[in-house]
Amino acid sequence: MFDKFKSMGEQLKLIQRLMKDEKFRTLMMNPKVQELMRDPEFQEIARSQDFQRMMNHPRFKNLMSDPELMEAIKQMGPGASGPGAA
């Protein structure tokens, strides 16, 4: 039971840390990202934390193939270059 709260606490800390990062905030303000975040189906997938479904969502896939967004993600640092990154 408490594992869920621990996980939620860790997620909150991660979100707080990311929101302090100007590159992350800029990425999140991108109109293409904002459009994805307004998609009710994607919102539901994100809430369920089903990362497999998230990665397979057509709009998410489109973003991951967008050169401009991929460059912005790469600029955020190691491990932030999207699916399939080494």
Protein backbone atom coordinates (compact mmCIF):
# COMPACT_ATOMS: atom_id res chain seq x y z
CA MET A 1 0.00 0.00 0.00
CA PHE A 2 2.74 2.48 0.95
CA ASP A 3 4.75 1.62 -2.17
CA LYS A 4 2.22 3.56 -4.22
CA PHE A 5 2.78 6.67 -2.08
CA LYS A 6 6.55 6.26 -2.34
CA SER A 7 6.26 6.03 -6.11
CA MET A 8 3.99 9.08 -6.22
CA GLY A 9 6.46 11.02 -4.08
CA GLU A 10 9.33 10.11 -6.38
CA GLN A 11 7.29 11.17 -9.42
CA LEU A 12 6.45 14.48 -7.78
CA LYS A 13 10.13 15.13 -7.05
CA LEU A 14 11.02 14.30 -10.66
CA ILE A 15 8.33 16.65 -11.98
CA GLN A 16 9.50 19.42 -9.66
CA ARG A 17 13.10 18.94 -10.80
CA LEU A 18 12.10 18.91 -14.48
CA MET A 19 9.97 22.05 -14.13
CA LYS A 20 13.06 23.92 -12.88
CA ASP A 21 14.86 23.01 -16.12
CA GLU A 22 14.34 25.76 -18.68
CA LYS A 23 14.95 23.42 -21.62
CA PHE A 24 12.25 21.06 -20.34
CA ARG A 25 9.79 23.94 -19.83
CA THR A 26 10.51 25.19 -23.34
CA LEU A 27 9.92 21.69 -24.74
CA MET A 28 6.64 21.37 -22.84
CA MET A 29 5.47 24.75 -24.17
CA ASN A 30 6.01 23.67 -27.78
CA PRO A 31 2.64 23.82 -29.60
CA LYS A 32 3.05 20.25 -30.86
CA VAL A 33 3.62 18.95 -27.33
CA GLN A 34 0.73 21.06 -26.03
CA GLU A 35 -1.56 19.55 -28.68
CA LEU A 36 -0.60 16.05 -27.54
CA MET A 37 -1.18 16.96 -23.90
CA ARG A 38 -4.71 18.17 -24.74
CA ASP A 39 -5.62 14.86 -26.39
CA PRO A 40 -8.13 13.16 -24.01
CA GLU A 41 -7.02 9.67 -25.07
CA PHE A 42 -3.37 10.50 -24.41
CA GLN A 43 -4.27 12.10 -21.08
CA GLU A 44 -5.95 8.88 -19.99
CA ILE A 45 -2.94 6.81 -21.06
CA ALA A 46 -0.60 9.16 -19.17
CA ARG A 47 -2.74 8.92 -16.03
CA SER A 48 -2.66 5.12 -16.23
CA GLN A 49 1.15 5.24 -16.59
CA ASP A 50 0.93 2.63 -19.34
CA PHE A 51 4.19 3.54 -21.01
CA GLN A 52 3.85 0.92 -23.73
CA ARG A 53 0.52 2.40 -24.86
CA MET A 54 1.99 5.90 -24.53
CA MET A 55 4.91 5.03 -26.81
CA ASN A 56 2.53 3.46 -29.33
CA HIS A 57 0.07 6.37 -29.40
CA PRO A 58 0.06 7.80 -32.97
CA ARG A 59 0.50 11.42 -31.86
CA PHE A 60 3.35 10.50 -29.52
CA LYS A 61 5.04 8.55 -32.33
CA ASN A 62 4.69 11.58 -34.58
CA LEU A 63 6.38 13.77 -32.00
CA MET A 64 9.22 11.27 -31.61
CA SER A 65 9.86 11.44 -35.35
CA ASP A 66 9.78 15.26 -35.45
CA PRO A 67 13.39 16.44 -36.03
CA GLU A 68 12.85 19.77 -34.23
CA LEU A 69 11.47 18.11 -31.10
CA MET A 70 14.08 15.35 -31.12
CA GLU A 71 16.81 17.98 -31.23
CA ALA A 72 15.21 19.77 -28.26
CA ILE A 73 15.09 16.47 -26.34
CA LYS A 74 18.74 15.75 -27.15
CA GLN A 75 19.66 19.19 -25.84
CA MET A 76 18.20 18.22 -22.47
CA GLY A 77 21.10 15.81 -21.89
CA PRO A 78 22.05 12.13 -21.68
CA GLY A 79 19.22 9.64 -21.53
CA ALA A 80 16.75 12.17 -22.85
CA SER A 81 16.94 11.35 -26.53
CA GLY A 82 13.70 9.40 -26.77
CA PRO A 83 12.74 5.83 -27.53
CA GLY A 84 15.47 3.52 -28.71
CA ALA A 85 18.25 5.79 -27.52
CA ALA A 86 21.55 4.21 -26.58
